[in-house]
Amino acid sequence: MTPTSEPPTPTPDPCPGAIPWNQAIDHAGQEITVIGQVMDATWASSSRGKPTFLNLGAVYPDPGRFTVLMWIDARYRFDAPPEELFMGKTVCVTGTIQIYRDGAEMEVEFPGQIIVP
């Protein structure tokens, strides 16, 4: 009798249906999950609305980047500053893709919209 090995257990997809950050612009107006590495993260604390920006795939001002935008109310819902939590990490972000100044972006209101797979 020959021993049989069990097939490896498949790893669950942490971001099912996610699209790469550089395809986000083709999905404007859609609610979708985008995956990419945070290349640049900034809190514009002196700007109106005190936005936090996470740029996936490329750094600001590269027009091809995908930007995750969080206003001050959303920022304070995180356990730590988002620019520190996510800088350099691959993230999956879920929400509606919008076009702003010819680039794709997504506004995040709640921590559950961003996961680190």
N, C-alpha and C. Protein backbone atom coordinates (compact mmCIF):
# COMPACT_ATOMS: atom_id res chain seq x y z
N MET A 1 0.83 -1.17 0.00
CA MET A 1 0.00 0.00 0.00
C MET A 1 0.89 1.24 0.00
N THR A 2 0.60 2.15 -0.88
CA THR A 2 1.39 3.37 -0.99
C THR A 2 0.72 4.48 -0.19
N PRO A 3 1.52 5.18 0.65
CA PRO A 3 0.90 6.28 1.40
C PRO A 3 0.51 7.42 0.45
N THR A 4 -0.59 7.99 0.73
CA THR A 4 -1.03 9.12 -0.10
C THR A 4 -0.93 10.40 0.72
N SER A 5 -0.53 11.43 0.07
CA SER A 5 -0.47 12.71 0.77
C SER A 5 -1.71 13.52 0.43
N GLU A 6 -2.13 14.25 1.40
CA GLU A 6 -3.31 15.09 1.18
C GLU A 6 -2.89 16.33 0.39
N PRO A 7 -3.77 16.79 -0.48
CA PRO A 7 -3.43 18.01 -1.21
C PRO A 7 -3.33 19.18 -0.23
N PRO A 8 -2.51 20.16 -0.57
CA PRO A 8 -2.37 21.30 0.34
C PRO A 8 -3.70 22.04 0.48
N THR A 9 -3.92 22.54 1.67
CA THR A 9 -5.13 23.32 1.92
C THR A 9 -4.99 24.66 1.19
N PRO A 10 -5.97 25.01 0.36
CA PRO A 10 -5.86 26.27 -0.35
C PRO A 10 -5.91 27.45 0.63
N THR A 11 -5.09 28.43 0.35
CA THR A 11 -5.08 29.64 1.15
C THR A 11 -6.24 30.52 0.71
N PRO A 12 -7.07 30.96 1.65
CA PRO A 12 -8.18 31.82 1.23
C PRO A 12 -7.67 33.14 0.67
N ASP A 13 -8.34 33.63 -0.33
CA ASP A 13 -7.98 34.91 -0.94
C ASP A 13 -8.37 36.02 0.03
N PRO A 14 -7.38 36.78 0.53
CA PRO A 14 -7.71 37.81 1.52
C PRO A 14 -8.51 38.98 0.94
N CYS A 15 -8.44 39.12 -0.36
CA CYS A 15 -9.15 40.23 -1.02
C CYS A 15 -9.86 39.70 -2.26
N PRO A 16 -10.91 38.91 -2.07
CA PRO A 16 -11.58 38.32 -3.23
C PRO A 16 -12.10 39.38 -4.19
N GLY A 17 -11.80 39.18 -5.46
CA GLY A 17 -12.28 40.09 -6.50
C GLY A 17 -11.54 41.41 -6.59
N ALA A 18 -10.46 41.56 -5.82
CA ALA A 18 -9.72 42.83 -5.85
C ALA A 18 -9.06 43.04 -7.20
N ILE A 19 -8.99 44.31 -7.59
CA ILE A 19 -8.28 44.67 -8.82
C ILE A 19 -6.98 45.37 -8.44
N PRO A 20 -5.95 45.28 -9.29
CA PRO A 20 -4.71 45.99 -9.00
C PRO A 20 -4.93 47.51 -9.05
N TRP A 21 -4.17 48.23 -8.25
CA TRP A 21 -4.30 49.68 -8.13
C TRP A 21 -4.26 50.39 -9.48
N ASN A 22 -3.44 49.88 -10.42
CA ASN A 22 -3.27 50.57 -11.70
C ASN A 22 -4.43 50.33 -12.67
N GLN A 23 -5.41 49.52 -12.27
CA GLN A 23 -6.61 49.34 -13.09
C GLN A 23 -7.81 50.11 -12.53
N ALA A 24 -7.62 50.76 -11.39
CA ALA A 24 -8.74 51.43 -10.71
C ALA A 24 -9.39 52.50 -11.58
N ILE A 25 -8.61 53.22 -12.33
CA ILE A 25 -9.16 54.31 -13.15
C ILE A 25 -10.18 53.80 -14.16
N ASP A 26 -10.08 52.54 -14.54
CA ASP A 26 -11.03 51.94 -15.49
C ASP A 26 -12.34 51.53 -14.82
N HIS A 27 -12.45 51.71 -13.51
CA HIS A 27 -13.63 51.28 -12.77
C HIS A 27 -14.30 52.44 -12.03
N ALA A 28 -14.15 53.65 -12.55
CA ALA A 28 -14.74 54.83 -11.92
C ALA A 28 -16.24 54.65 -11.73
N GLY A 29 -16.71 55.04 -10.55
CA GLY A 29 -18.13 54.94 -10.24
C GLY A 29 -18.54 53.60 -9.66
N GLN A 30 -17.64 52.63 -9.66
CA GLN A 30 -17.96 51.30 -9.16
C GLN A 30 -17.50 51.13 -7.71
N GLU A 31 -18.28 50.37 -6.95
CA GLU A 31 -17.82 49.97 -5.62
C GLU A 31 -17.04 48.69 -5.81
N ILE A 32 -15.78 48.70 -5.38
CA ILE A 32 -14.88 47.60 -5.68
C ILE A 32 -13.75 47.58 -4.66
N THR A 33 -12.98 46.51 -4.64
CA THR A 33 -11.80 46.42 -3.78
C THR A 33 -10.56 46.58 -4.65
N VAL A 34 -9.65 47.41 -4.19
CA VAL A 34 -8.40 47.69 -4.90
C VAL A 34 -7.26 47.21 -4.01
N ILE A 35 -6.26 46.55 -4.62
CA ILE A 35 -5.10 46.08 -3.88
C ILE A 35 -3.85 46.77 -4.41
N GLY A 36 -2.96 47.13 -3.49
CA GLY A 36 -1.70 47.74 -3.90
C GLY A 36 -0.85 48.09 -2.69
N GLN A 37 0.41 48.40 -2.96
CA GLN A 37 1.33 48.78 -1.89
C GLN A 37 1.27 50.28 -1.66
N VAL A 38 1.23 50.67 -0.38
CA VAL A 38 1.24 52.09 -0.02
C VAL A 38 2.67 52.59 -0.18
N MET A 39 2.86 53.45 -1.19
CA MET A 39 4.19 53.97 -1.52
C MET A 39 4.46 55.32 -0.87
N ASP A 40 3.39 55.99 -0.46
CA ASP A 40 3.49 57.35 0.04
C ASP A 40 2.28 57.57 0.95
N ALA A 41 2.49 58.15 2.12
CA ALA A 41 1.39 58.38 3.05
C ALA A 41 1.61 59.71 3.76
N THR A 42 0.59 60.56 3.73
CA THR A 42 0.73 61.91 4.27
C THR A 42 -0.54 62.35 4.98
N TRP A 43 -0.36 63.02 6.11
CA TRP A 43 -1.47 63.71 6.77
C TRP A 43 -1.27 65.19 6.52
N ALA A 44 -2.17 65.79 5.78
CA ALA A 44 -2.11 67.22 5.47
C ALA A 44 -2.84 67.98 6.58
N SER A 45 -2.23 68.02 7.76
CA SER A 45 -2.89 68.55 8.96
C SER A 45 -3.20 70.03 8.88
N SER A 46 -2.52 70.76 8.01
CA SER A 46 -2.80 72.20 7.90
C SER A 46 -3.74 72.53 6.74
N SER A 47 -4.15 71.53 5.98
CA SER A 47 -5.07 71.75 4.86
C SER A 47 -6.52 71.70 5.35
N ARG A 48 -7.40 72.33 4.60
CA ARG A 48 -8.83 72.31 4.94
C ARG A 48 -9.33 70.86 4.98
N GLY A 49 -10.02 70.49 6.02
CA GLY A 49 -10.53 69.13 6.17
C GLY A 49 -9.51 68.16 6.73
N LYS A 50 -8.26 68.60 6.86
CA LYS A 50 -7.16 67.79 7.42
C LYS A 50 -7.11 66.38 6.84
N PRO A 51 -7.01 66.26 5.52
CA PRO A 51 -7.04 64.94 4.89
C PRO A 51 -5.77 64.12 5.12
N THR A 52 -5.96 62.82 5.11
CA THR A 52 -4.85 61.86 5.08
C THR A 52 -4.89 61.21 3.71
N PHE A 53 -3.72 61.09 3.08
CA PHE A 53 -3.61 60.48 1.75
C PHE A 53 -2.70 59.27 1.83
N LEU A 54 -3.19 58.15 1.30
CA LEU A 54 -2.36 56.96 1.10
C LEU A 54 -2.29 56.77 -0.41
N ASN A 55 -1.09 56.80 -0.97
CA ASN A 55 -0.93 56.64 -2.41
C ASN A 55 -0.41 55.24 -2.71
N LEU A 56 -1.18 54.50 -3.50
CA LEU A 56 -0.84 53.13 -3.85
C LEU A 56 -0.14 53.10 -5.20
N GLY A 57 0.90 52.28 -5.28
CA GLY A 57 1.55 52.02 -6.55
C GLY A 57 2.57 53.03 -6.99
N ALA A 58 2.41 54.29 -6.62
CA ALA A 58 3.33 55.36 -7.02
C ALA A 58 3.19 56.50 -6.01
N VAL A 59 4.21 57.33 -5.93
CA VAL A 59 4.18 58.44 -4.98
C VAL A 59 3.57 59.69 -5.60
N TYR A 60 3.04 60.55 -4.75
CA TYR A 60 2.55 61.85 -5.19
C TYR A 60 3.75 62.63 -5.71
N PRO A 61 3.66 63.31 -6.83
CA PRO A 61 2.50 63.67 -7.63
C PRO A 61 2.29 62.81 -8.88
N ASP A 62 2.82 61.61 -8.92
CA ASP A 62 2.66 60.76 -10.11
C ASP A 62 1.17 60.63 -10.44
N PRO A 63 0.77 61.05 -11.65
CA PRO A 63 -0.66 61.02 -12.00
C PRO A 63 -1.22 59.60 -12.12
N GLY A 64 -0.37 58.60 -12.20
CA GLY A 64 -0.85 57.23 -12.33
C GLY A 64 -1.14 56.55 -11.00
N ARG A 65 -0.86 57.22 -9.90
CA ARG A 65 -1.06 56.60 -8.58
C ARG A 65 -2.56 56.42 -8.30
N PHE A 66 -2.87 55.57 -7.32
CA PHE A 66 -4.24 55.44 -6.82
C PHE A 66 -4.23 56.01 -5.41
N THR A 67 -5.12 56.96 -5.15
CA THR A 67 -5.12 57.66 -3.87
C THR A 67 -6.28 57.22 -2.99
N VAL A 68 -5.96 56.91 -1.75
CA VAL A 68 -6.96 56.65 -0.73
C VAL A 68 -7.03 57.91 0.13
N LEU A 69 -8.22 58.46 0.25
CA LEU A 69 -8.44 59.72 0.96
C LEU A 69 -9.25 59.48 2.23
N MET A 70 -8.77 60.04 3.33
CA MET A 70 -9.51 59.99 4.60
C MET A 70 -9.58 61.39 5.17
N TRP A 71 -10.78 61.86 5.45
CA TRP A 71 -10.95 63.14 6.11
C TRP A 71 -10.72 62.97 7.61
N ILE A 72 -10.63 64.06 8.34
CA ILE A 72 -10.25 64.03 9.75
C ILE A 72 -11.13 63.11 10.60
N ASP A 73 -12.45 63.11 10.37
CA ASP A 73 -13.33 62.24 11.16
C ASP A 73 -12.98 60.77 10.98
N ALA A 74 -12.67 60.38 9.75
CA ALA A 74 -12.30 58.99 9.48
C ALA A 74 -10.95 58.67 10.10
N ARG A 75 -10.02 59.61 10.03
CA ARG A 75 -8.68 59.40 10.57
C ARG A 75 -8.73 58.99 12.04
N TYR A 76 -9.58 59.66 12.80
CA TYR A 76 -9.65 59.39 14.24
C TYR A 76 -10.36 58.09 14.58
N ARG A 77 -10.90 57.41 13.61
CA ARG A 77 -11.52 56.10 13.86
C ARG A 77 -10.48 54.97 13.88
N PHE A 78 -9.26 55.27 13.44
CA PHE A 78 -8.19 54.27 13.42
C PHE A 78 -7.48 54.26 14.78
N ASP A 79 -6.90 53.11 15.13
CA ASP A 79 -6.20 52.97 16.41
C ASP A 79 -4.88 53.73 16.45
N ALA A 80 -4.33 54.02 15.29
CA ALA A 80 -3.06 54.74 15.16
C ALA A 80 -3.15 55.58 13.89
N PRO A 81 -2.25 56.53 13.71
CA PRO A 81 -2.29 57.33 12.48
C PRO A 81 -2.19 56.44 11.24
N PRO A 82 -3.14 56.59 10.30
CA PRO A 82 -3.15 55.73 9.11
C PRO A 82 -1.84 55.76 8.33
N GLU A 83 -1.18 56.92 8.27
CA GLU A 83 0.07 56.99 7.51
C GLU A 83 1.15 56.14 8.16
N GLU A 84 1.06 55.90 9.46
CA GLU A 84 2.01 55.01 10.14
C GLU A 84 1.56 53.55 10.04
N LEU A 85 0.26 53.32 10.15
CA LEU A 85 -0.27 51.95 10.09
C LEU A 85 0.01 51.27 8.75
N PHE A 86 -0.11 52.03 7.65
CA PHE A 86 -0.14 51.41 6.33
C PHE A 86 1.08 51.68 5.44
N MET A 87 1.94 52.63 5.79
CA MET A 87 3.08 52.97 4.93
C MET A 87 3.92 51.73 4.62
N GLY A 88 4.15 51.49 3.33
CA GLY A 88 4.98 50.39 2.87
C GLY A 88 4.28 49.04 2.81
N LYS A 89 3.05 48.98 3.28
CA LYS A 89 2.33 47.70 3.31
C LYS A 89 1.42 47.56 2.10
N THR A 90 1.15 46.31 1.75
CA THR A 90 0.14 46.03 0.74
C THR A 90 -1.20 46.04 1.44
N VAL A 91 -2.14 46.78 0.86
CA VAL A 91 -3.47 46.91 1.46
C VAL A 91 -4.55 46.59 0.44
N CYS A 92 -5.71 46.23 0.95
CA CYS A 92 -6.91 46.07 0.14
C CYS A 92 -7.90 47.10 0.66
N VAL A 93 -8.38 47.94 -0.24
CA VAL A 93 -9.27 49.04 0.12
C VAL A 93 -10.58 48.87 -0.64
N THR A 94 -11.69 48.94 0.09
CA THR A 94 -13.00 48.76 -0.54
C THR A 94 -13.81 50.04 -0.44
N GLY A 95 -14.39 50.42 -1.57
CA GLY A 95 -15.23 51.62 -1.64
C GLY A 95 -15.54 51.95 -3.08
N THR A 96 -16.03 53.16 -3.30
CA THR A 96 -16.38 53.60 -4.65
C THR A 96 -15.24 54.40 -5.24
N ILE A 97 -14.84 54.04 -6.44
CA ILE A 97 -13.75 54.73 -7.12
C ILE A 97 -14.29 56.00 -7.77
N GLN A 98 -13.57 57.09 -7.52
CA GLN A 98 -13.91 58.38 -8.10
C GLN A 98 -12.71 58.89 -8.89
N ILE A 99 -12.97 59.80 -9.81
CA ILE A 99 -11.89 60.44 -10.55
C ILE A 99 -11.76 61.87 -10.03
N TYR A 100 -10.54 62.24 -9.67
CA TYR A 100 -10.25 63.59 -9.19
C TYR A 100 -8.97 64.05 -9.86
N ARG A 101 -9.05 65.16 -10.58
CA ARG A 101 -7.88 65.70 -11.32
C ARG A 101 -7.21 64.62 -12.16
N ASP A 102 -8.00 63.90 -12.90
CA ASP A 102 -7.55 62.86 -13.84
C ASP A 102 -6.94 61.63 -13.18
N GLY A 103 -7.06 61.50 -11.87
CA GLY A 103 -6.53 60.33 -11.19
C GLY A 103 -7.63 59.60 -10.44
N ALA A 104 -7.39 58.33 -10.17
CA ALA A 104 -8.38 57.52 -9.45
C ALA A 104 -8.16 57.65 -7.95
N GLU A 105 -9.27 57.77 -7.22
CA GLU A 105 -9.18 57.83 -5.77
C GLU A 105 -10.40 57.17 -5.14
N MET A 106 -10.27 56.91 -3.85
CA MET A 106 -11.36 56.31 -3.09
C MET A 106 -11.36 56.95 -1.70
N GLU A 107 -12.53 57.35 -1.26
CA GLU A 107 -12.66 57.91 0.08
C GLU A 107 -12.98 56.80 1.07
N VAL A 108 -12.24 56.77 2.16
CA VAL A 108 -12.45 55.78 3.21
C VAL A 108 -13.03 56.49 4.43
N GLU A 109 -14.10 55.93 4.98
CA GLU A 109 -14.74 56.51 6.16
C GLU A 109 -14.55 55.67 7.41
N PHE A 110 -14.31 54.36 7.23
CA PHE A 110 -14.23 53.45 8.37
C PHE A 110 -13.02 52.51 8.23
N PRO A 111 -12.38 52.16 9.36
CA PRO A 111 -11.22 51.28 9.31
C PRO A 111 -11.47 49.95 8.60
N GLY A 112 -12.68 49.41 8.67
CA GLY A 112 -12.97 48.14 8.02
C GLY A 112 -12.86 48.17 6.51
N GLN A 113 -12.75 49.35 5.94
CA GLN A 113 -12.60 49.45 4.48
C GLN A 113 -11.17 49.16 4.03
N ILE A 114 -10.22 49.14 4.95
CA ILE A 114 -8.81 48.87 4.61
C ILE A 114 -8.35 47.66 5.40
N ILE A 115 -7.82 46.66 4.69
CA ILE A 115 -7.22 45.52 5.38
C ILE A 115 -5.81 45.30 4.85
N VAL A 116 -4.97 44.72 5.70
CA VAL A 116 -3.63 44.32 5.31
C VAL A 116 -3.68 42.81 5.19
N PRO A 117 -3.61 42.30 3.96
CA PRO A 117 -3.74 40.84 3.79
C PRO A 117 -2.55 40.07 4.36
